Protein backbone atom coordinates (compact mmCIF):
# COMPACT_ATOMS: atom_id res chain seq x y z
CA UNK A 1 0.00 0.00 0.00
CA UNK A 2 0.85 3.65 0.00
CA UNK A 3 2.67 4.79 3.08
CA UNK A 4 3.42 8.32 4.16
CA UNK A 5 7.06 9.36 3.91
CA UNK A 6 8.52 10.13 7.33
CA UNK A 7 12.16 10.71 6.38
CA UNK A 8 13.45 14.08 5.24
CA UNK A 9 15.70 12.69 2.50
CA UNK A 10 12.90 10.37 1.43
CA UNK A 11 10.44 13.22 0.84
CA UNK A 12 13.10 15.32 -0.93
CA UNK A 13 13.93 12.39 -3.19
CA UNK A 14 10.20 11.90 -3.87
CA UNK A 15 9.87 15.55 -4.98
CA UNK A 16 13.13 15.49 -7.00
CA UNK A 17 12.20 12.32 -8.87
CA UNK A 18 8.54 11.25 -8.73
CA UNK A 19 6.83 14.66 -8.51
CA UNK A 20 9.20 16.17 -11.09
CA UNK A 21 8.57 13.27 -13.50
CA UNK A 22 4.80 13.74 -13.21
CA UNK A 23 5.12 17.50 -13.82
CA UNK A 24 7.92 17.62 -16.41
CA UNK A 25 8.48 14.08 -17.71
CA UNK A 26 11.97 13.82 -16.17
CA UNK A 27 13.75 13.97 -12.83
CA UNK A 28 15.10 17.37 -11.74
CA UNK A 29 18.65 18.22 -12.80
CA UNK A 30 19.93 18.30 -9.22
CA UNK A 31 19.04 18.09 -5.53
CA UNK A 32 21.60 19.66 -3.21
CA UNK A 33 21.91 20.47 0.46
CA UNK A 34 22.47 24.15 1.21
CA UNK A 35 25.99 25.01 2.32
CA UNK A 36 25.08 27.95 4.55
CA UNK A 37 22.12 26.58 6.50
CA UNK A 38 21.49 23.08 7.83
CA UNK A 39 17.74 23.27 7.06
CA UNK A 40 17.97 24.32 3.38
CA UNK A 41 17.88 22.22 0.24
CA UNK A 42 17.86 23.21 -3.43
CA UNK A 43 16.32 21.59 -6.46
CA UNK A 44 17.83 23.06 -9.62
CA UNK A 45 16.73 22.88 -13.22
CA UNK A 46 18.82 24.18 -16.12
CA UNK A 47 15.71 25.11 -18.12
CA UNK A 48 12.54 24.93 -16.05
CA UNK A 49 9.63 24.38 -18.43
CA UNK A 50 7.49 27.20 -17.00
CA UNK A 51 10.34 29.69 -17.60
CA UNK A 52 11.28 28.47 -21.07
CA UNK A 53 8.26 29.65 -23.08
CA UNK A 54 7.04 32.68 -21.12
CA UNK A 55 8.24 36.21 -21.84
CA UNK A 56 8.13 38.44 -18.79
CA UNK A 57 7.27 42.12 -19.44
CA UNK A 58 10.22 44.44 -18.71
CA UNK A 59 8.28 46.23 -15.95
CA UNK A 60 8.01 42.95 -14.01
CA UNK A 61 11.80 42.76 -13.74
CA UNK A 62 13.14 39.50 -12.36
CA UNK A 63 9.74 37.82 -11.90
CA UNK A 64 10.29 34.06 -11.92
CA UNK A 65 7.47 31.84 -13.19
CA UNK A 66 9.19 29.08 -11.22
CA UNK A 67 7.25 30.51 -8.25
CA UNK A 68 4.36 28.39 -9.55
CA UNK A 69 6.50 25.24 -9.24
CA UNK A 70 7.73 26.39 -5.81
CA UNK A 71 4.07 26.53 -4.74
CA UNK A 72 3.49 22.96 -5.93
CA UNK A 73 6.60 21.76 -4.04
CA UNK A 74 5.42 23.61 -0.92
CA UNK A 75 2.01 21.94 -1.19
CA UNK A 76 3.57 18.47 -1.46
CA UNK A 77 5.93 19.07 1.48
CA UNK A 78 3.33 20.73 3.73
CA UNK A 79 0.79 17.98 3.14
CA UNK A 80 3.39 15.27 3.79
CA UNK A 81 4.09 16.83 7.20
CA UNK A 82 7.30 18.69 6.26
CA UNK A 83 6.27 22.38 6.38
CA UNK A 84 8.69 24.65 4.53
CA UNK A 85 9.11 28.03 2.90
CA UNK A 86 9.74 27.34 -0.80
CA UNK A 87 10.92 30.03 -3.22
CA UNK A 88 12.17 30.19 -6.82
CA UNK A 89 15.38 31.95 -7.84
CA UNK A 90 17.32 32.59 -11.05
CA UNK A 91 20.99 31.60 -10.73
CA UNK A 92 23.40 32.79 -13.45
CA UNK A 93 25.51 30.01 -14.97
CA UNK A 94 28.99 30.45 -16.39
CA UNK A 95 28.93 30.25 -20.18
CA UNK A 96 25.12 30.03 -20.40
CA UNK A 97 22.90 32.74 -21.83
CA UNK A 98 19.95 31.87 -19.59
CA UNK A 99 20.16 31.40 -15.81
CA UNK A 100 19.10 28.13 -14.21
CA UNK A 101 16.14 28.06 -11.84
CA UNK A 102 16.70 26.94 -8.27
CA UNK A 103 13.81 26.00 -6.00
CA UNK A 104 15.03 26.82 -2.48
CA UNK A 105 13.43 24.78 0.32
CA UNK A 106 13.84 26.07 3.87
CA UNK A 107 12.21 23.72 6.34
CA UNK A 108 10.18 25.03 9.27
CA UNK A 109 11.72 25.04 12.74
CA UNK A 110 9.74 22.00 13.91
CA UNK A 111 11.05 19.98 10.95
CA UNK A 112 14.58 21.20 11.66
CA UNK A 113 14.31 20.24 15.32
CA UNK A 114 12.95 16.79 14.53
CA UNK A 115 15.34 15.88 11.72
CA UNK A 116 18.52 17.88 12.22
CA UNK A 117 19.07 18.01 15.98
CA UNK A 118 18.07 14.51 17.08
């Protein structure tokens, strides 16, 4: 049967592979642990589908349509019992014209306490 994921790395792997495959037909390019904060993880995509075909008006500046995907990831994590703040960011890449999109996941304090300190 279906069981609820109770491990932090398990739920991150589920989002990186299974959820990403359902949404985009492939696993995400990378899943990395943040280097500055213990409770942060990043899912990066060289060309996130929602950013590839949408032109943002100049007056909207650095608006990132990846925010939509960040909302989906937040919904999955929150409903699996891993509340987090999830945001989308453009990250310039050496030698690439377009920046990659990074979905930054910062887990809530109660998740941090349960999974990082014990």
